[in-house]
Amino acid sequence: MTRYLVERSFPEGLTIPTDDRGAKSCLNVVDGNAQHDVTWVHSYVSPDHKTTYCIYDGPSPEAIRSAAVTTGLPVTKITEVRVLDPYFYH
């Protein structure tokens, strides 16, 4: 499976409640992604909560976009990425 960095913009800021509603919201994303053979690995959120950088595994950028339509999430940019870490040369 290919790994992607998915950038999302939330002009009003992203707010996910830290209760059962937030957990259900995240599980809905996971379930919607699964319909397109896409896996949400994890995300980073900017300090102002207006941009997220999400790591996804999926078969193609088109599958990532289709999953976003299903889950109702915006997509600003999709970039194929590979892991590079400081332990690469050891």
C-alpha atoms as a PDB file:
ATOM      1  CA  MET A   1       0.000   0.000   0.000  1.00  0.00           C
ATOM      2  CA  THR A   2       1.257   3.466  -0.830  1.00  0.00           C
ATOM      3  CA  ARG A   3       1.605   6.153   1.858  1.00  0.00           C
ATOM      4  CA  TYR A   4       0.283   9.689   1.369  1.00  0.00           C
ATOM      5  CA  LEU A   5       0.411  13.011   3.177  1.00  0.00           C
ATOM      6  CA  VAL A   6      -3.045  14.589   2.950  1.00  0.00           C
ATOM      7  CA  GLU A   7      -3.261  18.293   3.705  1.00  0.00           C
ATOM      8  CA  ARG A   8      -6.674  19.577   4.773  1.00  0.00           C
ATOM      9  CA  SER A   9      -7.834  23.151   5.372  1.00  0.00           C
ATOM     10  CA  PHE A  10     -10.457  24.059   7.951  1.00  0.00           C
ATOM     11  CA  PRO A  11     -11.031  27.842   7.659  1.00  0.00           C
ATOM     12  CA  GLU A  12     -13.114  27.911  10.844  1.00  0.00           C
ATOM     13  CA  GLY A  13     -10.745  25.558  12.681  1.00  0.00           C
ATOM     14  CA  LEU A  14     -11.104  21.850  13.376  1.00  0.00           C
ATOM     15  CA  THR A  15     -12.693  20.916  16.673  1.00  0.00           C
ATOM     16  CA  ILE A  16     -13.119  17.302  17.739  1.00  0.00           C
ATOM     17  CA  PRO A  17     -14.814  16.843  21.117  1.00  0.00           C
ATOM     18  CA  THR A  18     -12.815  14.820  23.665  1.00  0.00           C
ATOM     19  CA  ASP A  19     -15.768  12.650  24.563  1.00  0.00           C
ATOM     20  CA  ASP A  20     -17.876   9.873  23.028  1.00  0.00           C
ATOM     21  CA  ARG A  21     -19.026  12.211  20.221  1.00  0.00           C
ATOM     22  CA  GLY A  22     -15.416  12.798  19.168  1.00  0.00           C
ATOM     23  CA  ALA A  23     -14.616   9.094  19.346  1.00  0.00           C
ATOM     24  CA  LYS A  24     -17.662   8.304  17.212  1.00  0.00           C
ATOM     25  CA  SER A  25     -16.671  10.997  14.710  1.00  0.00           C
ATOM     26  CA  CYS A  26     -13.201   9.467  14.327  1.00  0.00           C
ATOM     27  CA  LEU A  27     -14.629   5.959  13.981  1.00  0.00           C
ATOM     28  CA  ASN A  28     -16.965   7.219  11.243  1.00  0.00           C
ATOM     29  CA  VAL A  29     -13.895   8.426   9.339  1.00  0.00           C
ATOM     30  CA  VAL A  30     -12.212   5.042   9.791  1.00  0.00           C
ATOM     31  CA  ASP A  31     -15.344   3.228   8.574  1.00  0.00           C
ATOM     32  CA  GLY A  32     -15.798   5.556   5.583  1.00  0.00           C
ATOM     33  CA  ASN A  33     -12.161   5.152   4.603  1.00  0.00           C
ATOM     34  CA  ALA A  34     -12.445   1.355   4.744  1.00  0.00           C
ATOM     35  CA  GLN A  35     -15.054   1.480   1.978  1.00  0.00           C
ATOM     36  CA  HIS A  36     -12.253   2.700  -0.313  1.00  0.00           C
ATOM     37  CA  ASP A  37      -9.429   0.480   1.026  1.00  0.00           C
ATOM     38  CA  VAL A  38      -7.894   3.555   2.695  1.00  0.00           C
ATOM     39  CA  THR A  39      -6.349   3.630   6.195  1.00  0.00           C
ATOM     40  CA  TRP A  40      -5.882   6.746   8.344  1.00  0.00           C
ATOM     41  CA  VAL A  41      -2.551   6.279  10.151  1.00  0.00           C
ATOM     42  CA  HIS A  42      -2.365   9.536  12.143  1.00  0.00           C
ATOM     43  CA  SER A  43      -2.594  13.308  11.787  1.00  0.00           C
ATOM     44  CA  TYR A  44      -0.838  16.493  12.827  1.00  0.00           C
ATOM     45  CA  VAL A  45      -2.814  19.655  13.543  1.00  0.00           C
ATOM     46  CA  SER A  46      -1.493  23.218  13.218  1.00  0.00           C
ATOM     47  CA  PRO A  47      -1.601  25.323  16.409  1.00  0.00           C
ATOM     48  CA  ASP A  48      -4.533  27.377  15.050  1.00  0.00           C
ATOM     49  CA  HIS A  49      -6.448  24.145  14.165  1.00  0.00           C
ATOM     50  CA  LYS A  50      -6.983  25.409  10.607  1.00  0.00           C
ATOM     51  CA  THR A  51      -4.730  22.897   8.831  1.00  0.00           C
ATOM     52  CA  THR A  52      -4.207  19.189   9.312  1.00  0.00           C
ATOM     53  CA  TYR A  53      -1.481  16.991   7.844  1.00  0.00           C
ATOM     54  CA  CYS A  54      -2.745  13.431   7.751  1.00  0.00           C
ATOM     55  CA  ILE A  55      -0.797  10.275   6.987  1.00  0.00           C
ATOM     56  CA  TYR A  56      -2.844   7.772   5.013  1.00  0.00           C
ATOM     57  CA  ASP A  57      -2.217   4.418   3.375  1.00  0.00           C
ATOM     58  CA  GLY A  58      -4.201   3.688   0.234  1.00  0.00           C
ATOM     59  CA  PRO A  59      -4.113   2.324  -3.283  1.00  0.00           C
ATOM     60  CA  SER A  60      -4.147   5.720  -5.059  1.00  0.00           C
ATOM     61  CA  PRO A  61      -4.758   9.454  -4.676  1.00  0.00           C
ATOM     62  CA  GLU A  62      -8.166   8.883  -6.268  1.00  0.00           C
ATOM     63  CA  ALA A  63      -9.084   6.421  -3.495  1.00  0.00           C
ATOM     64  CA  ILE A  64      -8.002   8.986  -0.889  1.00  0.00           C
ATOM     65  CA  ARG A  65     -10.209  11.621  -2.551  1.00  0.00           C
ATOM     66  CA  SER A  66     -13.166   9.217  -2.779  1.00  0.00           C
ATOM     67  CA  ALA A  67     -12.797   8.389   0.908  1.00  0.00           C
ATOM     68  CA  ALA A  68     -12.759  12.114   1.698  1.00  0.00           C
ATOM     69  CA  VAL A  69     -16.038  12.569  -0.177  1.00  0.00           C
ATOM     70  CA  THR A  70     -17.549   9.678   1.787  1.00  0.00           C
ATOM     71  CA  THR A  71     -16.363  11.069   5.133  1.00  0.00           C
ATOM     72  CA  GLY A  72     -17.133  14.686   4.288  1.00  0.00           C
ATOM     73  CA  LEU A  73     -13.569  15.863   4.853  1.00  0.00           C
ATOM     74  CA  PRO A  74     -11.854  18.488   2.692  1.00  0.00           C
ATOM     75  CA  VAL A  75      -8.699  17.731   0.706  1.00  0.00           C
ATOM     76  CA  THR A  76      -6.300  20.544  -0.139  1.00  0.00           C
ATOM     77  CA  LYS A  77      -3.370  18.482  -1.392  1.00  0.00           C
ATOM     78  CA  ILE A  78      -2.284  14.833  -1.611  1.00  0.00           C
ATOM     79  CA  THR A  79       1.414  13.956  -1.808  1.00  0.00           C
ATOM     80  CA  GLU A  80       2.887  10.458  -2.073  1.00  0.00           C
ATOM     81  CA  VAL A  81       5.566  10.078   0.621  1.00  0.00           C
ATOM     82  CA  ARG A  82       8.149   7.597   1.849  1.00  0.00           C
ATOM     83  CA  VAL A  83       9.686   7.253   5.289  1.00  0.00           C
ATOM     84  CA  LEU A  84      13.024   8.941   5.884  1.00  0.00           C
ATOM     85  CA  ASP A  85      14.353   8.883   9.411  1.00  0.00           C
ATOM     86  CA  PRO A  86      17.739   9.361  11.125  1.00  0.00           C
ATOM     87  CA  TYR A  87      18.146   5.586  11.452  1.00  0.00           C
ATOM     88  CA  PHE A  88      18.092   4.987   7.701  1.00  0.00           C
ATOM     89  CA  TYR A  89      21.892   4.546   7.467  1.00  0.00           C
ATOM     90  CA  HIS A  90      22.282   2.171  10.435  1.00  0.00           C
END
